[in-house]
Amino acid sequence: MGVWYVHAGFVGTAADKNMARSWPRCFRRDRCCRQRRERQKWQTGHDVRIQRSQGRSTHRDALPGPSTAPLAEMEGGIDRFLQVRVDENGSTVQLQAARVLLQRKRQDGTTQHLSLFSLVHVAEPIYYRLIRQEIEHSDRVYCELIARTRSIRFKSETLRLSTEPLFPTLQARQLAAQYGLVCQLDELDPYALGFFVADMTHEELAASLGASWQQEFRDRSRLMEAIQACWRPRWEPSPSVWSRGARALLWLLPGPELPLILFDWILQGGQPAPILTALLDAFTRFDLLAVRRLVFAQLLVSEQKRAGLRKDLLVRNTRAIRVVSADQSSERVALLYGAMHMPDLVQRLVSEEGFRVVECSWDSVWSVMSRSELNLGTARFLAFAVPAYLSLDALDWAELVQWIASGNVEEASIFTALYLLRHAVLYIFIANWALDWSKRLFD
């Protein structure tokens, strides 16, 4: 499943009767109780379920390394808002999301503080609870939400509120269940928490990008990526002629996905993914949940390099920047937006709106426990898996040569097409989690 399915921002509402009937009654009752508690919290300023006490460690405090640092001292700089981090002992691997604090001087001489929260739309519950704690002192909170116009109340051109409770789609719930996580809307409901919507409506997006924009993003599948990978890498939108020619020659080698990954690594940099040791350990323990979480985390981190190519993100960022710029009355503003929006958002807020970056902190989205060293079981797994994989690649290539030499053009063409597609899928899959494309080799 592509990353855009996670970050597309589509939500369902209680008006969707077919979806609502599929939920257990006890779940709907719990949702109503939670929404009532949240409304009472925003009216009274007290939350009996989440107490902040001095000296009590939070989820962020438990993270390895410093939780907050000036941006100039941050590892990776301003262009990366998701990272995979391994603690010093190698026992915990975490997907972390950045929270950036920006400031600007307003015309009346006062300072406006803007907190940008890089959201991941499926996470562990404690991640969303920490965000709710952090936004308690904000004068106004804006969020990302694509909804129908009928579900939005327009207080002004830039101030919009949701008019009904929102629920994750069935696909979002299934995605979260695969990784043992929860959906963002189950913990951060804009209606229950009184967030203002900084996003565009479904109708506005259709008018801006065309009526078929939603279907176009759904059609972008791994199959299409694999077909495109035959002549260009995912991380290079405009490859040179010699690069395409070199890639074409590499397809003649046995197991072409491995030479292709090495070729892309030489041209574009990247580092071995920090999840590799933990991933091998999870394989040897047959911990499939840990394997899925690790691979998904690395997919999200690598996807940051391509986020700026998505037209829908850029259009929606323009709307969010206009909303923030128009808010001259709030001293402390929080903006909750998907992590893929952040590179463009921060760059434009600094260059166009006069903000400056003050500091950044990292919050744990989810974590995976791992053994810090490769043990005998891992060594045995590698001793079996690597030769087996290379042998299958060699047999597949030998069979391709036999089909081409057979002289049956039609059958040979079909087998060649399937061969290319099969290894292109392997290239996409391995390249996504084996290397961290958001970093340079010697960073």
Protein backbone atom coordinates (compact mmCIF):
# COMPACT_ATOMS: atom_id res chain seq x y z
CA MET A 1 0.00 0.00 0.00
CA GLY A 2 1.37 3.39 -0.97
CA VAL A 3 2.06 6.08 1.54
CA TRP A 4 -0.53 8.37 -0.03
CA TYR A 5 -3.25 6.09 1.26
CA VAL A 6 -2.09 6.88 4.76
CA HIS A 7 -1.82 10.64 4.25
CA ALA A 8 -4.68 11.29 1.88
CA GLY A 9 -6.82 12.69 4.72
CA PHE A 10 -10.14 11.15 3.66
CA VAL A 11 -12.57 10.75 6.54
CA GLY A 12 -16.02 9.38 7.07
CA THR A 13 -18.83 10.95 9.07
CA ALA A 14 -21.68 9.70 11.18
CA ALA A 15 -23.95 10.38 8.21
CA ASP A 16 -22.48 7.37 6.45
CA LYS A 17 -25.13 4.94 7.67
CA ASN A 18 -23.66 1.84 6.11
CA MET A 19 -20.36 2.42 7.85
CA ALA A 20 -21.99 3.44 11.12
CA ARG A 21 -24.08 0.26 11.23
CA SER A 22 -20.95 -1.85 10.93
CA TRP A 23 -19.55 -0.58 14.25
CA PRO A 24 -20.49 -2.27 17.52
CA ARG A 25 -22.87 -0.33 19.70
CA CYS A 26 -20.46 -0.37 22.59
CA PHE A 27 -17.85 1.38 20.42
CA ARG A 28 -20.32 4.11 19.43
CA ARG A 29 -21.30 4.59 23.09
CA ASP A 30 -17.65 4.92 24.04
CA ARG A 31 -17.15 7.49 21.28
CA CYS A 32 -20.08 9.57 22.55
CA CYS A 33 -18.76 9.47 26.13
CA ARG A 34 -15.30 10.49 25.00
CA GLN A 35 -16.65 13.36 22.93
CA ARG A 36 -18.69 14.59 25.91
CA ARG A 37 -15.60 14.51 28.11
CA GLU A 38 -13.58 16.40 25.52
CA ARG A 39 -16.20 19.13 25.20
CA GLN A 40 -16.28 19.51 28.99
CA LYS A 41 -12.51 19.73 29.02
CA TRP A 42 -12.43 22.56 26.49
CA GLN A 43 -15.14 24.42 28.37
CA THR A 44 -13.64 24.07 31.87
CA GLY A 45 -9.95 23.69 31.08
CA HIS A 46 -9.72 20.47 33.15
CA ASP A 47 -9.25 16.88 32.09
CA VAL A 48 -9.58 14.28 34.81
CA ARG A 49 -8.16 11.55 32.57
CA ILE A 50 -4.94 13.31 31.55
CA GLN A 51 -3.22 15.01 34.48
CA ARG A 52 0.02 16.86 34.08
CA SER A 53 2.12 16.71 37.22
CA GLN A 54 5.56 18.07 37.96
CA GLY A 55 8.32 15.49 37.85
CA ARG A 56 6.23 13.00 35.91
CA SER A 57 7.98 11.63 32.83
CA THR A 58 6.11 11.91 29.54
CA HIS A 59 6.28 9.78 26.41
CA ARG A 60 8.71 12.24 24.86
CA ASP A 61 10.95 12.27 27.94
CA ALA A 62 11.51 8.54 27.54
CA LEU A 63 12.96 8.92 24.04
CA PRO A 64 16.66 8.34 23.47
CA GLY A 65 18.80 11.44 23.28
CA PRO A 66 17.64 15.02 23.75
CA SER A 67 13.96 15.60 23.14
CA THR A 68 14.41 19.26 22.24
CA ALA A 69 17.25 21.04 20.46
CA PRO A 70 17.85 24.16 18.39
CA LEU A 71 17.27 23.40 14.72
CA ALA A 72 20.88 24.16 13.81
CA GLU A 73 21.91 21.27 16.09
CA MET A 74 19.26 18.88 14.82
CA GLU A 75 20.34 15.75 13.05
CA GLY A 76 19.12 15.98 9.47
CA GLY A 77 18.17 19.66 9.47
CA ILE A 78 14.90 21.15 8.33
CA ASP A 79 14.16 18.88 5.39
CA ARG A 80 13.26 15.82 7.45
CA PHE A 81 10.27 15.58 9.77
CA LEU A 82 10.15 11.81 10.25
CA GLN A 83 13.04 9.66 11.33
CA VAL A 84 13.77 6.16 12.57
CA ARG A 85 15.94 6.21 15.65
CA VAL A 86 17.60 3.38 17.55
CA ASP A 87 18.46 3.91 21.21
CA GLU A 88 22.02 3.61 22.50
CA ASN A 89 21.56 0.00 23.59
CA GLY A 90 19.92 -1.01 20.32
CA SER A 91 16.97 -2.45 22.22
CA THR A 92 14.29 -0.04 20.97
CA VAL A 93 13.59 1.22 17.45
CA GLN A 94 11.23 4.19 17.16
CA LEU A 95 9.52 6.08 14.41
CA GLN A 96 9.72 9.72 15.50
CA ALA A 97 7.83 12.76 14.24
CA ALA A 98 9.16 16.31 14.52
CA ARG A 99 7.45 19.19 16.27
CA VAL A 100 8.84 22.54 15.14
CA LEU A 101 8.41 25.84 16.98
CA LEU A 102 8.46 28.98 14.84
CA GLN A 103 8.20 32.64 15.82
CA ARG A 104 7.57 35.93 14.04
CA LYS A 105 7.27 39.58 15.00
CA ARG A 106 3.89 41.10 14.23
CA GLN A 107 3.21 44.68 13.22
CA ASP A 108 2.21 45.66 16.77
CA GLY A 109 5.58 44.47 18.09
CA THR A 110 4.33 41.29 19.78
CA THR A 111 5.67 37.83 19.05
CA GLN A 112 3.51 35.06 17.62
CA HIS A 113 4.46 31.45 18.39
CA LEU A 114 3.52 28.74 15.89
CA SER A 115 3.89 25.06 16.80
CA LEU A 116 3.88 22.68 13.82
CA PHE A 117 3.02 19.09 14.69
CA SER A 118 4.12 16.56 12.05
CA LEU A 119 1.30 14.07 12.30
CA VAL A 120 1.25 10.43 11.31
CA HIS A 121 -2.35 9.34 10.83
CA VAL A 122 -1.92 5.96 12.54
CA ALA A 123 0.10 5.68 15.74
CA GLU A 124 0.17 4.42 19.30
CA PRO A 125 -2.51 6.06 21.50
CA ILE A 126 0.04 7.72 23.78
CA TYR A 127 1.42 9.70 20.83
CA TYR A 128 -1.91 11.45 20.32
CA ARG A 129 -2.40 11.95 24.05
CA LEU A 130 0.95 13.73 24.23
CA ILE A 131 -0.13 16.04 21.40
CA ARG A 132 -3.34 16.84 23.26
CA GLN A 133 -1.29 17.77 26.30
CA GLU A 134 1.03 19.99 24.30
CA ILE A 135 -1.77 21.97 22.60
CA GLU A 136 -3.62 22.75 25.84
CA HIS A 137 -1.94 26.17 26.12
CA SER A 138 -2.50 27.15 22.50
CA ASP A 139 -4.89 30.02 21.85
CA ARG A 140 -6.06 28.42 18.61
CA VAL A 141 -5.53 25.00 17.02
CA TYR A 142 -5.77 24.37 13.29
CA CYS A 143 -5.86 20.92 11.77
CA GLU A 144 -5.74 19.03 8.49
CA LEU A 145 -9.10 17.71 7.31
CA ILE A 146 -10.64 17.10 3.89
CA ALA A 147 -14.41 17.08 4.35
CA ARG A 148 -17.51 17.88 2.36
CA THR A 149 -18.77 21.46 2.45
CA ARG A 150 -21.95 20.34 4.18
CA SER A 151 -19.83 19.14 7.14
CA ILE A 152 -18.08 22.51 7.61
CA ARG A 153 -19.36 25.67 9.30
CA PHE A 154 -17.78 28.83 7.89
CA LYS A 155 -17.31 31.48 10.58
CA SER A 156 -15.21 33.53 8.15
CA GLU A 157 -13.06 33.01 5.08
CA THR A 158 -10.27 31.45 7.15
CA LEU A 159 -12.12 30.17 10.25
CA ARG A 160 -13.89 26.88 9.65
CA LEU A 161 -15.28 24.34 12.10
CA SER A 162 -16.48 20.78 11.69
CA THR A 163 -20.22 20.44 12.32
CA GLU A 164 -20.36 16.73 13.20
CA PRO A 165 -18.25 13.96 14.75
CA LEU A 166 -15.77 12.38 12.36
CA PHE A 167 -14.71 8.77 12.16
CA PRO A 168 -11.92 6.95 10.30
CA THR A 169 -12.85 5.09 7.14
CA LEU A 170 -12.99 1.32 7.13
CA GLN A 171 -9.75 1.23 5.12
CA ALA A 172 -8.01 3.41 7.72
CA ARG A 173 -9.18 1.12 10.53
CA GLN A 174 -7.94 -1.94 8.68
CA LEU A 175 -4.58 -0.26 8.07
CA ALA A 176 -4.20 0.62 11.74
CA ALA A 177 -5.20 -2.89 12.81
CA GLN A 178 -2.47 -4.42 10.63
CA TYR A 179 0.17 -2.62 12.69
CA GLY A 180 -1.50 -2.76 16.11
CA LEU A 181 -2.10 1.01 16.10
CA VAL A 182 -5.03 3.42 16.36
CA CYS A 183 -6.37 5.99 13.89
CA GLN A 184 -5.80 9.68 14.43
CA LEU A 185 -9.50 10.55 14.31
CA ASP A 186 -10.22 8.17 17.19
CA GLU A 187 -7.94 10.25 19.44
CA LEU A 188 -7.98 13.73 17.83
CA ASP A 189 -11.49 14.43 16.60
CA PRO A 190 -11.64 18.05 15.33
CA TYR A 191 -15.33 18.31 16.23
CA ALA A 192 -14.93 17.06 19.80
CA LEU A 193 -11.80 19.11 20.49
CA GLY A 194 -12.95 22.30 18.77
CA PHE A 195 -10.13 22.49 16.22
CA PHE A 196 -10.39 24.95 13.36
CA VAL A 197 -9.98 23.42 9.89
CA ALA A 198 -7.09 24.89 7.89
CA ASP A 199 -7.56 22.50 4.98
CA MET A 200 -9.53 22.71 1.76
CA THR A 201 -12.93 21.12 1.34
CA HIS A 202 -13.48 18.23 -1.02
CA GLU A 203 -15.26 20.52 -3.45
CA GLU A 204 -12.43 23.08 -3.39
CA LEU A 205 -9.88 20.40 -4.17
CA ALA A 206 -12.02 19.10 -7.02
CA ALA A 207 -12.26 22.61 -8.45
CA SER A 208 -8.50 23.13 -8.13
CA LEU A 209 -7.18 19.75 -9.30
CA GLY A 210 -10.07 18.45 -11.38
CA ALA A 211 -13.04 16.29 -10.53
CA SER A 212 -11.03 13.07 -10.87
CA TRP A 213 -8.24 14.02 -8.42
CA GLN A 214 -9.40 11.52 -5.77
CA GLN A 215 -9.51 8.61 -8.19
CA GLU A 216 -6.08 9.51 -9.57
CA PHE A 217 -4.45 9.15 -6.17
CA ARG A 218 -6.26 5.86 -5.54
CA ASP A 219 -5.00 4.53 -8.87
CA ARG A 220 -1.38 5.15 -7.94
CA SER A 221 -0.43 1.63 -6.95
CA ARG A 222 2.73 -0.37 -6.47
CA LEU A 223 2.09 -1.85 -9.91
CA MET A 224 2.40 1.57 -11.56
CA GLU A 225 5.51 2.31 -9.53
CA ALA A 226 7.01 -0.99 -10.63
CA ILE A 227 6.34 -0.25 -14.30
CA GLN A 228 7.94 3.19 -13.99
CA ALA A 229 10.92 1.69 -12.15
CA CYS A 230 11.95 -0.09 -15.36
CA TRP A 231 13.34 3.17 -16.76
CA ARG A 232 13.70 5.61 -13.86
CA PRO A 233 14.22 5.44 -10.07
CA ARG A 234 11.50 6.63 -7.72
CA TRP A 235 13.72 9.29 -6.17
CA GLU A 236 14.86 10.94 -9.40
CA PRO A 237 11.94 12.67 -11.20
CA SER A 238 14.01 13.66 -14.27
CA PRO A 239 16.84 11.15 -14.88
CA SER A 240 19.46 11.94 -17.49
CA VAL A 241 19.77 10.04 -20.78
CA TRP A 242 22.94 8.22 -19.73
CA SER A 243 21.31 7.24 -16.43
CA ARG A 244 18.38 5.67 -18.27
CA GLY A 245 20.75 3.87 -20.62
CA ALA A 246 22.79 2.47 -17.74
CA ARG A 247 19.65 1.28 -16.00
CA ALA A 248 18.50 -0.47 -19.18
CA LEU A 249 21.79 -2.40 -19.34
CA LEU A 250 21.47 -3.48 -15.70
CA TRP A 251 18.20 -5.24 -16.55
CA LEU A 252 20.26 -7.75 -18.57
CA LEU A 253 22.00 -9.03 -15.41
CA PRO A 254 20.65 -11.86 -13.22
CA GLY A 255 18.73 -10.48 -10.27
CA PRO A 256 18.58 -6.94 -11.70
CA GLU A 257 16.94 -5.41 -8.62
CA LEU A 258 20.17 -5.62 -6.60
CA PRO A 259 22.43 -3.92 -9.22
CA LEU A 260 19.71 -1.29 -9.73
CA ILE A 261 19.59 -0.47 -6.01
CA LEU A 262 23.39 -0.25 -5.91
CA PHE A 263 23.35 2.03 -8.98
CA ASP A 264 20.75 4.36 -7.43
CA TRP A 265 22.70 4.41 -4.18
CA ILE A 266 25.89 5.48 -6.00
CA LEU A 267 24.07 8.27 -7.85
CA GLN A 268 21.78 9.60 -5.13
CA GLY A 269 23.39 8.69 -1.83
CA GLY A 270 21.33 7.35 1.04
CA GLN A 271 22.30 5.35 4.10
CA PRO A 272 21.65 1.76 5.12
CA ALA A 273 18.33 1.85 6.92
CA PRO A 274 18.62 1.85 10.72
CA ILE A 275 15.92 -0.82 10.93
CA LEU A 276 18.02 -3.59 9.31
CA THR A 277 19.37 -5.18 12.50
CA ALA A 278 15.98 -5.03 14.23
CA LEU A 279 14.28 -6.35 11.08
CA LEU A 280 16.55 -9.40 10.92
CA ASP A 281 15.97 -10.01 14.62
CA ALA A 282 12.18 -9.81 14.14
CA PHE A 283 12.38 -12.26 11.22
CA THR A 284 14.26 -14.80 13.30
CA ARG A 285 11.69 -14.48 16.11
CA PHE A 286 8.80 -14.71 13.59
CA ASP A 287 7.45 -11.47 15.06
CA LEU A 288 5.39 -10.40 12.05
CA LEU A 289 3.89 -7.37 13.81
CA ALA A 290 7.38 -6.00 14.49
CA VAL A 291 8.39 -6.68 10.89
CA ARG A 292 5.36 -4.78 9.57
CA ARG A 293 5.94 -1.82 11.89
CA LEU A 294 9.63 -1.56 11.01
CA VAL A 295 9.08 -1.73 7.26
CA PHE A 296 6.17 0.73 7.42
CA ALA A 297 8.26 3.17 9.47
CA GLN A 298 11.08 3.09 6.94
CA LEU A 299 8.61 3.49 4.05
CA LEU A 300 7.25 6.67 5.61
CA VAL A 301 10.72 8.08 6.25
CA SER A 302 11.88 7.37 2.68
CA GLU A 303 8.68 8.81 1.21
CA GLN A 304 9.62 12.28 2.49
CA LYS A 305 11.99 12.70 -0.43
CA ARG A 306 9.08 12.51 -2.89
CA ALA A 307 6.48 14.46 -0.92
CA GLY A 308 7.28 17.75 -2.66
CA LEU A 309 6.23 16.25 -6.01
CA ARG A 310 2.60 15.83 -5.00
CA LYS A 311 0.43 18.60 -6.38
CA ASP A 312 -2.37 18.03 -3.87
CA LEU A 313 -0.02 18.64 -0.93
CA LEU A 314 1.25 21.91 -2.38
CA VAL A 315 -2.26 23.21 -3.05
CA ARG A 316 -3.44 22.34 0.44
CA ASN A 317 -0.33 23.88 1.99
CA THR A 318 -1.16 27.15 0.26
CA ARG A 319 -4.52 27.17 2.01
CA ALA A 320 -2.96 26.38 5.42
CA ILE A 321 -0.39 29.18 5.05
CA ARG A 322 -3.12 31.66 4.18
CA VAL A 323 -5.08 30.66 7.30
CA VAL A 324 -2.06 31.01 9.60
CA SER A 325 -1.06 34.32 8.04
CA ALA A 326 -4.55 35.74 8.58
CA ASP A 327 -4.53 34.89 12.32
CA GLN A 328 -3.16 38.10 13.87
CA SER A 329 -5.06 37.85 17.16
CA SER A 330 -3.65 34.60 18.60
CA GLU A 331 -0.32 34.64 20.39
CA ARG A 332 0.14 30.86 20.45
CA VAL A 333 -1.06 28.88 17.46
CA ALA A 334 -0.81 25.12 16.84
CA LEU A 335 -1.03 23.57 13.38
CA LEU A 336 -1.62 19.80 13.17
CA TYR A 337 -0.70 18.61 9.69
CA GLY A 338 0.62 15.43 8.09
CA ALA A 339 4.38 14.97 8.14
CA MET A 340 4.57 14.91 4.34
CA HIS A 341 3.26 18.50 4.26
CA MET A 342 5.96 19.83 6.56
CA PRO A 343 9.03 20.36 4.32
CA ASP A 344 7.07 22.66 2.00
CA LEU A 345 5.10 24.26 4.86
CA VAL A 346 8.15 25.24 6.90
CA GLN A 347 10.09 26.48 3.88
CA ARG A 348 7.24 28.73 2.76
CA LEU A 349 6.37 29.97 6.25
CA VAL A 350 9.98 31.09 6.68
CA SER A 351 10.46 32.57 3.21
CA GLU A 352 6.99 34.11 2.69
CA GLU A 353 5.50 34.85 6.11
CA GLY A 354 8.53 36.02 8.09
CA PHE A 355 8.69 33.14 10.58
CA ARG A 356 11.96 31.85 11.94
CA VAL A 357 12.60 28.37 13.29
CA VAL A 358 13.40 28.35 17.00
CA GLU A 359 13.63 24.71 18.03
CA CYS A 360 12.50 21.20 17.22
CA SER A 361 11.56 18.20 19.35
CA TRP A 362 10.92 14.60 18.40
CA ASP A 363 7.91 12.57 19.56
CA SER A 364 7.72 8.78 19.35
CA VAL A 365 4.94 7.63 17.02
CA TRP A 366 5.43 3.93 17.67
CA SER A 367 8.25 1.70 18.86
CA VAL A 368 9.52 -1.84 18.40
CA MET A 369 11.59 -3.81 20.90
CA SER A 370 14.66 -5.55 19.51
CA ARG A 371 17.81 -7.36 20.57
CA SER A 372 20.85 -5.16 20.23
CA GLU A 373 23.16 -7.76 18.67
CA LEU A 374 22.80 -10.31 15.92
CA ASN A 375 22.61 -13.74 17.54
CA LEU A 376 23.13 -17.26 16.27
CA GLY A 377 19.54 -17.50 15.05
CA THR A 378 19.98 -14.40 12.91
CA ALA A 379 23.23 -15.75 11.47
CA ARG A 380 21.51 -19.01 10.53
CA PHE A 381 18.66 -17.11 8.92
CA LEU A 382 21.09 -15.07 6.81
CA ALA A 383 23.10 -18.17 5.88
CA PHE A 384 19.92 -19.73 4.47
CA ALA A 385 18.05 -16.71 3.10
CA VAL A 386 20.83 -14.99 1.11
CA PRO A 387 21.96 -18.05 -0.92
CA ALA A 388 18.33 -19.07 -1.44
CA TYR A 389 17.40 -15.63 -2.77
CA LEU A 390 20.40 -15.47 -5.12
CA SER A 391 19.72 -19.00 -6.36
CA LEU A 392 16.10 -18.16 -7.19
CA ASP A 393 17.26 -15.04 -9.03
CA ALA A 394 19.74 -17.11 -11.05
CA LEU A 395 17.13 -19.75 -11.93
CA ASP A 396 14.65 -17.07 -12.96
CA TRP A 397 17.23 -15.46 -15.27
CA ALA A 398 18.23 -18.83 -16.76
CA GLU A 399 14.59 -19.61 -17.53
CA LEU A 400 14.23 -16.21 -19.22
CA VAL A 401 17.21 -17.00 -21.45
CA GLN A 402 15.68 -20.36 -22.37
CA TRP A 403 12.37 -18.75 -23.36
CA ILE A 404 14.12 -16.16 -25.51
CA ALA A 405 16.24 -18.85 -27.19
CA SER A 406 13.20 -21.04 -27.86
CA GLY A 407 12.14 -18.88 -30.81
CA ASN A 408 8.51 -18.63 -29.68
CA VAL A 409 8.15 -14.88 -29.88
CA GLU A 410 4.69 -14.60 -28.32
CA GLU A 411 5.36 -16.75 -25.27
CA ALA A 412 8.85 -15.30 -24.84
CA SER A 413 7.41 -11.77 -24.87
CA ILE A 414 4.85 -12.65 -22.19
CA PHE A 415 7.48 -14.29 -19.97
CA THR A 416 9.87 -11.33 -20.44
CA ALA A 417 7.17 -8.85 -19.45
CA LEU A 418 6.33 -10.87 -16.34
CA TYR A 419 10.03 -11.18 -15.52
CA LEU A 420 10.56 -7.43 -15.72
CA LEU A 421 7.45 -6.69 -13.66
CA ARG A 422 8.37 -9.27 -11.03
CA HIS A 423 11.85 -7.88 -10.48
CA ALA A 424 10.63 -4.28 -10.64
CA VAL A 425 8.29 -5.06 -7.73
CA LEU A 426 11.22 -6.58 -5.84
CA TYR A 427 13.27 -3.46 -6.59
CA ILE A 428 10.56 -1.16 -5.20
CA PHE A 429 10.05 -3.32 -2.11
CA ILE A 430 13.71 -3.77 -1.18
CA ALA A 431 14.78 -0.20 -2.02
CA ASN A 432 12.05 1.24 0.20
CA TRP A 433 13.20 -0.35 3.45
CA ALA A 434 16.82 -1.39 2.89
CA LEU A 435 18.06 2.20 2.43
CA ASP A 436 17.12 5.51 4.04
CA TRP A 437 16.86 7.85 1.04
CA SER A 438 16.16 10.88 3.20
CA LYS A 439 19.82 10.96 4.33
CA ARG A 440 23.14 11.30 2.55
CA LEU A 441 25.77 8.60 2.93
CA PHE A 442 28.14 10.60 5.17
CA ASP A 443 25.57 12.67 7.10
